[in-house]
N, C-alpha and C. Protein backbone atom coordinates (compact mmCIF):
# COMPACT_ATOMS: atom_id res chain seq x y z
N MET A 1 3.72 68.73 -49.25
CA MET A 1 4.15 70.11 -49.40
C MET A 1 5.31 70.37 -48.45
N ASP A 2 6.38 70.93 -48.95
CA ASP A 2 7.54 71.26 -48.12
C ASP A 2 7.31 72.56 -47.38
N SER A 3 7.79 72.60 -46.15
CA SER A 3 7.78 73.82 -45.35
C SER A 3 9.19 74.07 -44.86
N LYS A 4 9.52 75.31 -44.58
CA LYS A 4 10.85 75.66 -44.11
C LYS A 4 10.83 75.88 -42.61
N ILE A 5 11.93 75.44 -41.96
CA ILE A 5 12.12 75.71 -40.54
C ILE A 5 13.57 76.15 -40.34
N THR A 6 13.83 76.76 -39.22
CA THR A 6 15.18 77.16 -38.88
C THR A 6 15.62 76.35 -37.67
N LEU A 7 16.79 75.72 -37.79
CA LEU A 7 17.35 74.92 -36.70
C LEU A 7 18.73 75.44 -36.37
N SER A 8 19.16 75.25 -35.14
CA SER A 8 20.51 75.63 -34.73
C SER A 8 21.25 74.40 -34.25
N PHE A 9 22.47 74.21 -34.76
CA PHE A 9 23.32 73.09 -34.40
C PHE A 9 24.73 73.60 -34.14
N ASP A 10 25.51 72.80 -33.46
CA ASP A 10 26.92 73.07 -33.29
C ASP A 10 27.57 73.08 -34.68
N GLU A 11 28.48 74.01 -34.91
CA GLU A 11 29.10 74.16 -36.23
C GLU A 11 29.80 72.87 -36.68
N GLY A 12 30.45 72.17 -35.74
CA GLY A 12 31.12 70.91 -36.09
C GLY A 12 30.14 69.85 -36.55
N VAL A 13 28.99 69.79 -35.91
CA VAL A 13 27.96 68.83 -36.30
C VAL A 13 27.45 69.15 -37.70
N ILE A 14 27.26 70.42 -37.98
CA ILE A 14 26.78 70.84 -39.30
C ILE A 14 27.76 70.43 -40.38
N GLN A 15 29.04 70.68 -40.16
CA GLN A 15 30.05 70.34 -41.17
C GLN A 15 30.12 68.84 -41.42
N LYS A 16 30.06 68.04 -40.34
CA LYS A 16 30.07 66.58 -40.49
C LYS A 16 28.83 66.10 -41.22
N ALA A 17 27.68 66.68 -40.88
CA ALA A 17 26.42 66.28 -41.52
C ALA A 17 26.43 66.63 -43.00
N LYS A 18 26.97 67.78 -43.34
CA LYS A 18 27.06 68.18 -44.75
C LYS A 18 27.95 67.21 -45.53
N ARG A 19 29.08 66.84 -44.95
CA ARG A 19 29.97 65.88 -45.63
C ARG A 19 29.28 64.53 -45.79
N TYR A 20 28.60 64.07 -44.73
CA TYR A 20 27.89 62.79 -44.79
C TYR A 20 26.83 62.82 -45.88
N ALA A 21 26.04 63.89 -45.92
CA ALA A 21 24.99 64.01 -46.93
C ALA A 21 25.58 64.03 -48.33
N GLU A 22 26.65 64.78 -48.51
CA GLU A 22 27.28 64.86 -49.83
C GLU A 22 27.84 63.50 -50.26
N GLU A 23 28.48 62.79 -49.34
CA GLU A 23 29.04 61.47 -49.65
C GLU A 23 27.94 60.46 -50.02
N ASN A 24 26.73 60.69 -49.50
CA ASN A 24 25.62 59.78 -49.77
C ASN A 24 24.64 60.34 -50.80
N ASN A 25 25.07 61.40 -51.50
CA ASN A 25 24.30 61.97 -52.60
C ASN A 25 22.87 62.32 -52.20
N ILE A 26 22.75 63.00 -51.07
CA ILE A 26 21.44 63.44 -50.58
C ILE A 26 21.61 64.84 -50.01
N SER A 27 20.57 65.64 -50.10
CA SER A 27 20.68 66.97 -49.52
C SER A 27 20.60 66.87 -48.00
N LEU A 28 21.17 67.85 -47.35
CA LEU A 28 21.11 67.88 -45.89
C LEU A 28 19.66 67.96 -45.41
N SER A 29 18.85 68.69 -46.12
CA SER A 29 17.43 68.79 -45.75
C SER A 29 16.73 67.43 -45.81
N ARG A 30 16.99 66.67 -46.87
CA ARG A 30 16.35 65.35 -47.01
C ARG A 30 16.90 64.36 -45.99
N LEU A 31 18.19 64.49 -45.66
CA LEU A 31 18.77 63.62 -44.64
C LEU A 31 18.09 63.86 -43.29
N ILE A 32 17.97 65.12 -42.91
CA ILE A 32 17.32 65.46 -41.64
C ILE A 32 15.85 65.01 -41.67
N GLU A 33 15.18 65.24 -42.79
CA GLU A 33 13.78 64.82 -42.93
C GLU A 33 13.65 63.30 -42.74
N PHE A 34 14.54 62.54 -43.39
CA PHE A 34 14.53 61.09 -43.29
C PHE A 34 14.70 60.64 -41.84
N LEU A 35 15.70 61.22 -41.16
CA LEU A 35 15.96 60.81 -39.78
C LEU A 35 14.79 61.18 -38.85
N LEU A 36 14.24 62.36 -39.02
CA LEU A 36 13.10 62.76 -38.20
C LEU A 36 11.88 61.89 -38.47
N GLN A 37 11.68 61.53 -39.73
CA GLN A 37 10.56 60.67 -40.08
C GLN A 37 10.70 59.29 -39.42
N LYS A 38 11.92 58.74 -39.45
CA LYS A 38 12.16 57.44 -38.84
C LYS A 38 11.91 57.48 -37.33
N ILE A 39 12.36 58.55 -36.70
CA ILE A 39 12.18 58.67 -35.25
C ILE A 39 10.72 58.86 -34.88
N THR A 40 10.03 59.73 -35.60
CA THR A 40 8.65 60.05 -35.23
C THR A 40 7.65 58.98 -35.65
N ASN A 41 8.01 58.12 -36.59
CA ASN A 41 7.11 57.04 -37.01
C ASN A 41 7.27 55.78 -36.17
N SER A 42 8.16 55.81 -35.20
CA SER A 42 8.39 54.63 -34.36
C SER A 42 7.43 54.64 -33.17
N ASN A 43 7.45 53.55 -32.43
CA ASN A 43 6.59 53.43 -31.25
C ASN A 43 7.27 53.91 -29.98
N TYR A 44 8.41 54.55 -30.11
CA TYR A 44 9.14 55.02 -28.93
C TYR A 44 8.64 56.41 -28.56
N HIS A 45 8.53 56.64 -27.25
CA HIS A 45 7.96 57.89 -26.77
C HIS A 45 9.03 58.92 -26.39
N SER A 46 10.28 58.49 -26.30
CA SER A 46 11.36 59.42 -26.00
C SER A 46 12.66 58.89 -26.60
N LEU A 47 13.65 59.74 -26.69
CA LEU A 47 14.94 59.30 -27.23
C LEU A 47 15.60 58.26 -26.33
N GLU A 48 15.31 58.32 -25.03
CA GLU A 48 15.86 57.33 -24.10
C GLU A 48 15.31 55.94 -24.39
N ASP A 49 14.10 55.84 -24.94
CA ASP A 49 13.50 54.56 -25.29
C ASP A 49 14.04 54.02 -26.61
N TYR A 50 14.65 54.87 -27.39
CA TYR A 50 15.08 54.51 -28.74
C TYR A 50 16.38 53.73 -28.68
N PRO A 51 16.36 52.45 -29.03
CA PRO A 51 17.59 51.64 -28.95
C PRO A 51 18.65 52.11 -29.94
N ILE A 52 19.88 52.08 -29.51
CA ILE A 52 20.98 52.47 -30.37
C ILE A 52 21.03 51.59 -31.62
N SER A 53 20.75 50.31 -31.47
CA SER A 53 20.82 49.40 -32.62
C SER A 53 19.82 49.81 -33.70
N ASP A 54 18.63 50.26 -33.32
CA ASP A 54 17.66 50.72 -34.32
C ASP A 54 18.20 51.94 -35.06
N TRP A 55 18.80 52.85 -34.33
CA TRP A 55 19.37 54.04 -34.94
C TRP A 55 20.46 53.65 -35.94
N VAL A 56 21.33 52.78 -35.52
CA VAL A 56 22.43 52.36 -36.39
C VAL A 56 21.89 51.64 -37.62
N MET A 57 20.91 50.78 -37.45
CA MET A 57 20.34 50.05 -38.58
C MET A 57 19.69 50.99 -39.59
N GLN A 58 19.13 52.10 -39.12
CA GLN A 58 18.47 53.03 -40.04
C GLN A 58 19.46 53.80 -40.88
N VAL A 59 20.65 54.08 -40.36
CA VAL A 59 21.60 54.86 -41.13
C VAL A 59 22.63 53.99 -41.83
N ALA A 60 22.69 52.71 -41.49
CA ALA A 60 23.64 51.80 -42.12
C ALA A 60 23.06 51.24 -43.41
N GLU A 61 23.94 50.89 -44.31
CA GLU A 61 23.51 50.24 -45.55
C GLU A 61 24.11 48.85 -45.56
N GLY A 62 23.35 47.88 -45.14
CA GLY A 62 23.82 46.51 -45.14
C GLY A 62 24.48 46.12 -43.84
N GLU A 63 24.86 44.87 -43.78
CA GLU A 63 25.45 44.31 -42.58
C GLU A 63 26.91 44.74 -42.45
N ALA A 64 27.33 45.02 -41.24
CA ALA A 64 28.72 45.40 -41.00
C ALA A 64 29.63 44.19 -41.15
N VAL A 65 30.77 44.40 -41.77
CA VAL A 65 31.76 43.34 -41.93
C VAL A 65 33.03 43.81 -41.25
N TYR A 66 33.52 43.01 -40.32
CA TYR A 66 34.71 43.38 -39.57
C TYR A 66 35.90 42.57 -40.06
N GLN A 67 36.98 43.26 -40.38
CA GLN A 67 38.21 42.61 -40.81
C GLN A 67 39.07 42.39 -39.58
N THR A 68 39.50 41.15 -39.35
CA THR A 68 40.31 40.87 -38.18
C THR A 68 41.76 40.61 -38.51
N LYS A 69 42.08 40.45 -39.79
CA LYS A 69 43.46 40.24 -40.16
C LYS A 69 43.88 41.30 -41.17
N LYS A 70 45.14 41.64 -41.12
CA LYS A 70 45.65 42.64 -42.07
C LYS A 70 45.78 42.00 -43.44
N ARG A 71 45.41 42.78 -44.44
CA ARG A 71 45.54 42.32 -45.82
C ARG A 71 46.42 43.29 -46.56
N SER A 72 47.10 42.78 -47.55
CA SER A 72 47.95 43.65 -48.35
C SER A 72 47.06 44.53 -49.24
N ARG A 73 47.64 45.61 -49.68
CA ARG A 73 46.91 46.51 -50.58
C ARG A 73 46.54 45.78 -51.86
N LYS A 74 47.46 44.94 -52.36
CA LYS A 74 47.20 44.20 -53.60
C LYS A 74 46.04 43.23 -53.42
N SER A 75 45.99 42.51 -52.30
CA SER A 75 44.89 41.56 -52.11
C SER A 75 43.55 42.28 -51.95
N SER A 76 43.58 43.45 -51.29
CA SER A 76 42.35 44.24 -51.17
C SER A 76 41.88 44.72 -52.54
N LYS A 77 42.83 45.17 -53.36
CA LYS A 77 42.52 45.65 -54.71
C LYS A 77 41.98 44.50 -55.56
N ASP A 78 42.63 43.34 -55.50
CA ASP A 78 42.17 42.17 -56.26
C ASP A 78 40.77 41.76 -55.84
N GLU A 79 40.51 41.78 -54.53
CA GLU A 79 39.18 41.41 -54.03
C GLU A 79 38.13 42.40 -54.53
N PHE A 80 38.48 43.68 -54.52
CA PHE A 80 37.54 44.70 -54.97
C PHE A 80 37.18 44.48 -56.44
N PHE A 81 38.18 44.31 -57.30
CA PHE A 81 37.90 44.15 -58.72
C PHE A 81 37.21 42.82 -59.01
N ALA A 82 37.48 41.78 -58.24
CA ALA A 82 36.80 40.50 -58.41
C ALA A 82 35.32 40.65 -58.07
N SER A 83 34.99 41.49 -57.09
CA SER A 83 33.59 41.65 -56.70
C SER A 83 32.78 42.42 -57.73
N LYS A 84 33.45 43.14 -58.61
CA LYS A 84 32.77 43.94 -59.64
C LYS A 84 32.42 43.13 -60.88
N LYS A 85 32.91 41.89 -60.96
CA LYS A 85 32.66 41.05 -62.14
C LYS A 85 31.30 40.44 -62.11
């Protein structure tokens, strides 16, 4: 059963969170619920105990890939379309 609560955040944080939620096709309420669920279901007793890597892994989708060399726009485009086949 859903319940309503009122929270206060910095306006800049709210705008960024709304954009993030929209880009990921999720409501802001469900995003906050997901993050709170992940934090409260862990074995950590405070935010100071919560490792940054766990936080990043929960909000990331897949392994990070770092590009170390510049690529042309054409090669990036070709790689993208090749990956869709």
